Amino acid sequence: VQLQACGGGLVQAGGSLRVSCESSRRTFSIDNMGWFRQAPGKEREFVAAISWRGDSTYYADSVKGRFTISRDNAKKTVYLQMNSLKPEDTAVYYCAQGTSISRGALLGINYWGEGTQVTVSA
C-alpha cells in the first residue's frame, strides 16, 4: 500500500475533523499530493491539492475557506483539516499522488489511497 488514509469519522454539522494520509513512497518529498471525495451516487471530485514543496495549495470552490491541506515531508504525511463541516461534505475521502497541478487541480493521478469515511450529521 503506497498511500494509507485515516482519521475519518462522524461529526456534527459545524464541527471539525482532520484526515491524514501517510505515504510509503520514497519520493514523497517531491510528490504533488491531493484529496478527492466521493459521495454516494456521485462521481469522485477534487477537493484540494498541495505542491511537493508545500508552498502552493489549491481548493475546490465548495471547500475554500473551510478546508486546509498541508504536508509534513519528514513524516511523509499529507493532512486535510476540515472545519465548519456541512452534511454535504459527507463522502469517502481519498488521498492521491499526481503528476502535476494544473488549472487548480491535481492531475495525472498515479496512486490512490484507500478511502476514509467522513460523515457529517445535520
Protein backbone atom coordinates (compact mmCIF):
# COMPACT_ATOMS: atom_id res chain seq x y z
CA VAL A 1 0.00 0.00 0.00
CA GLN A 2 1.56 3.26 -1.12
CA LEU A 3 -0.91 5.65 0.49
CA GLN A 4 -2.83 4.98 3.70
CA ALA A 5 -5.57 7.36 4.75
CA CYS A 6 -7.08 7.55 8.20
CA GLY A 7 -8.89 9.90 10.55
CA GLY A 8 -12.39 9.85 9.19
CA GLY A 9 -15.42 9.59 11.40
CA LEU A 10 -18.77 11.01 12.38
CA VAL A 11 -19.12 14.68 13.29
CA GLN A 12 -21.97 17.12 13.70
CA ALA A 13 -22.52 19.94 11.26
CA GLY A 14 -20.30 22.87 12.14
CA GLY A 15 -17.67 20.61 13.64
CA SER A 16 -14.12 19.83 12.60
CA LEU A 17 -12.19 16.76 11.56
CA ARG A 18 -8.68 16.09 10.28
CA VAL A 19 -7.86 13.26 7.92
CA SER A 20 -4.31 12.12 7.30
CA CYS A 21 -2.59 10.18 4.56
CA GLU A 22 0.73 8.50 5.16
CA SER A 23 2.85 7.60 2.17
CA SER A 24 5.29 4.76 1.87
CA ARG A 25 6.78 6.22 -1.30
CA ARG A 26 10.45 7.16 -1.09
CA THR A 27 9.74 10.04 -3.48
CA PHE A 28 7.08 11.60 -1.26
CA SER A 29 9.08 14.79 -0.75
CA ILE A 30 8.76 15.54 -4.48
CA ASP A 31 5.23 14.19 -4.94
CA ASN A 32 2.33 16.51 -5.67
CA MET A 33 -0.49 15.36 -3.40
CA GLY A 34 -4.19 15.89 -3.11
CA TRP A 35 -7.52 14.87 -1.68
CA PHE A 36 -10.63 13.79 -3.53
CA ARG A 37 -14.01 12.67 -2.26
CA GLN A 38 -16.90 10.58 -3.47
CA ALA A 39 -20.39 10.85 -2.07
CA PRO A 40 -22.97 8.07 -2.57
CA GLY A 41 -24.32 8.10 -6.09
CA LYS A 42 -21.90 10.79 -7.23
CA GLU A 43 -18.66 10.88 -9.14
CA ARG A 44 -15.34 11.32 -7.37
CA GLU A 45 -14.46 15.01 -7.17
CA PHE A 46 -11.37 17.04 -6.49
CA VAL A 47 -11.13 18.66 -3.04
CA ALA A 48 -7.63 20.04 -2.50
CA ALA A 49 -4.04 19.79 -3.71
CA ILE A 50 -0.62 20.76 -2.45
CA SER A 51 2.61 21.12 -4.36
CA TRP A 52 5.61 18.99 -3.47
CA ARG A 53 7.29 21.99 -1.83
CA GLY A 54 4.15 22.71 0.13
CA ASP A 55 4.23 26.34 -0.97
CA SER A 56 1.17 26.17 -3.21
CA THR A 57 -2.28 24.93 -2.31
CA TYR A 58 -5.47 24.67 -4.34
CA TYR A 59 -9.07 24.05 -3.34
CA ALA A 60 -12.43 23.28 -4.86
CA ASP A 61 -14.78 26.23 -4.55
CA SER A 62 -17.08 24.17 -2.34
CA VAL A 63 -14.45 23.85 0.42
CA LYS A 64 -12.46 27.04 0.02
CA GLY A 65 -12.15 28.89 3.31
CA ARG A 66 -13.20 25.82 5.33
CA PHE A 67 -10.61 23.15 4.46
CA THR A 68 -6.83 23.37 4.69
CA ILE A 69 -4.39 20.96 3.09
CA SER A 70 -0.87 20.66 4.47
CA ARG A 71 2.03 18.25 4.45
CA ASP A 72 4.92 17.10 6.59
CA ASN A 73 7.60 15.68 4.34
CA ALA A 74 9.61 14.37 7.28
CA LYS A 75 6.61 12.23 8.28
CA LYS A 76 5.63 11.51 4.67
CA THR A 77 2.13 12.60 5.53
CA VAL A 78 -0.43 14.91 3.97
CA TYR A 79 -3.31 16.29 6.01
CA LEU A 80 -6.73 17.74 5.32
CA GLN A 81 -8.11 19.88 8.12
CA MET A 82 -11.85 20.26 7.68
CA ASN A 83 -13.68 22.98 9.60
CA SER A 84 -17.28 24.20 9.53
CA LEU A 85 -18.34 20.85 8.14
CA LYS A 86 -21.65 20.54 6.36
CA PRO A 87 -23.82 17.47 5.71
CA GLU A 88 -22.94 17.80 2.01
CA ASP A 89 -19.30 17.14 2.92
CA THR A 90 -20.28 13.56 3.74
CA ALA A 91 -18.25 11.27 1.49
CA VAL A 92 -15.41 8.82 1.31
CA TYR A 93 -12.21 10.86 1.18
CA TYR A 94 -9.26 9.62 -0.85
CA CYS A 95 -5.71 10.91 -0.92
CA ALA A 96 -3.82 10.75 -4.19
CA GLN A 97 -0.44 11.33 -5.75
CA GLY A 98 -0.48 13.10 -9.08
CA THR A 99 1.90 14.07 -11.84
CA SER A 100 1.09 17.76 -11.86
CA ILE A 101 -1.11 20.53 -10.57
CA SER A 102 -2.81 22.49 -13.32
CA ARG A 103 -5.91 24.65 -13.62
CA GLY A 104 -6.18 24.46 -9.85
CA ALA A 105 -6.44 20.69 -9.58
CA LEU A 106 -4.27 17.62 -9.18
CA LEU A 107 -3.86 15.82 -12.50
CA GLY A 108 -2.35 12.61 -13.76
CA ILE A 109 -3.21 10.52 -10.72
CA ASN A 110 -0.75 7.68 -10.33
CA TYR A 111 -1.72 6.37 -6.92
CA TRP A 112 -4.89 6.39 -4.84
CA GLY A 113 -5.05 5.74 -1.15
CA GLU A 114 -7.72 3.66 0.46
CA GLY A 115 -10.63 5.89 1.34
CA THR A 116 -11.70 7.05 4.74
CA GLN A 117 -15.36 7.75 5.51
CA VAL A 118 -16.39 11.19 6.73
CA THR A 119 -20.00 11.56 7.83
CA VAL A 120 -21.47 14.90 8.85
CA SER A 121 -24.80 14.79 10.62
CA ALA A 122 -27.26 17.66 10.44
